[in-house]
Amino acid sequence: MPKSIRLVIAVLVACVSAALGLSLTYAATAPRIAEQDRLAEERSLQAVMPDADDFEKVADAALLEAAAAAAGPTDLKDVYLASEAGAHAGWAIKLASRGYGGPMQLVIGLDTSGSVTGVSILSMNETPGLGTKVLTESWFIEQFVTLPAGFDDADVRALDSISGSTRSANGVRNGVAAAGRVYAAVLSGEEGGAQ
């Protein structure tokens, strides 16, 4: 057998072995990863609406389409109806907003009047020590709850940014602004009956 064919066979066997190993590893870890993602999302929902005791993912396609259009360039992922003791308490909006290191997964809580109840960063790939200041500088996230009911993009732009992590801070600000647009254009008329 020629040396070149033996080399090709050896490379092919190595590739098939590696692919099989990766496939088996993925099959073994996928359920655990999915469960960790679900728990992280659940914690984020609770963080932005601490008084809510139930979150129901909105499945109404027309509402989600209108919400995605209102969000503009920010990628709308999910909308949740938040309830407290069976009564409509507000909304939790999951978005992906562009930061310096790529998409930032955010969850923004809004009460029934459109006021921000909380902002949670579910995941991000920002530069450690700079972009991650949006997490470590607690005042930055806390300032969003001072926005007035029915806030708009100008209200969000008027809030302080973080020196040295402008693009990361703008990613969070753009996500909150998008949530405000979604509320104003779509959710403000909903009485908790959207499914």
Foldseek 3Di string as FASTA:
>chain_A
DDPVVVVVVVVVVVVVVVVVVVVVVCVVCVVVVVVVLVVLVVVQVCQFVVQFDDKAWFDPPVLVVQLCVLLPPKGWDTKIFTHHPRAGFFIWTWIWFQFPQGTWTKIWTAGLQQATSFIDTSDDDDDPPALCVCVVVVVLRVVSNVADRLHALVSLVPDDADPRRRRSSVRRSSNSRSSSSSCVRRVNPDRSPGD
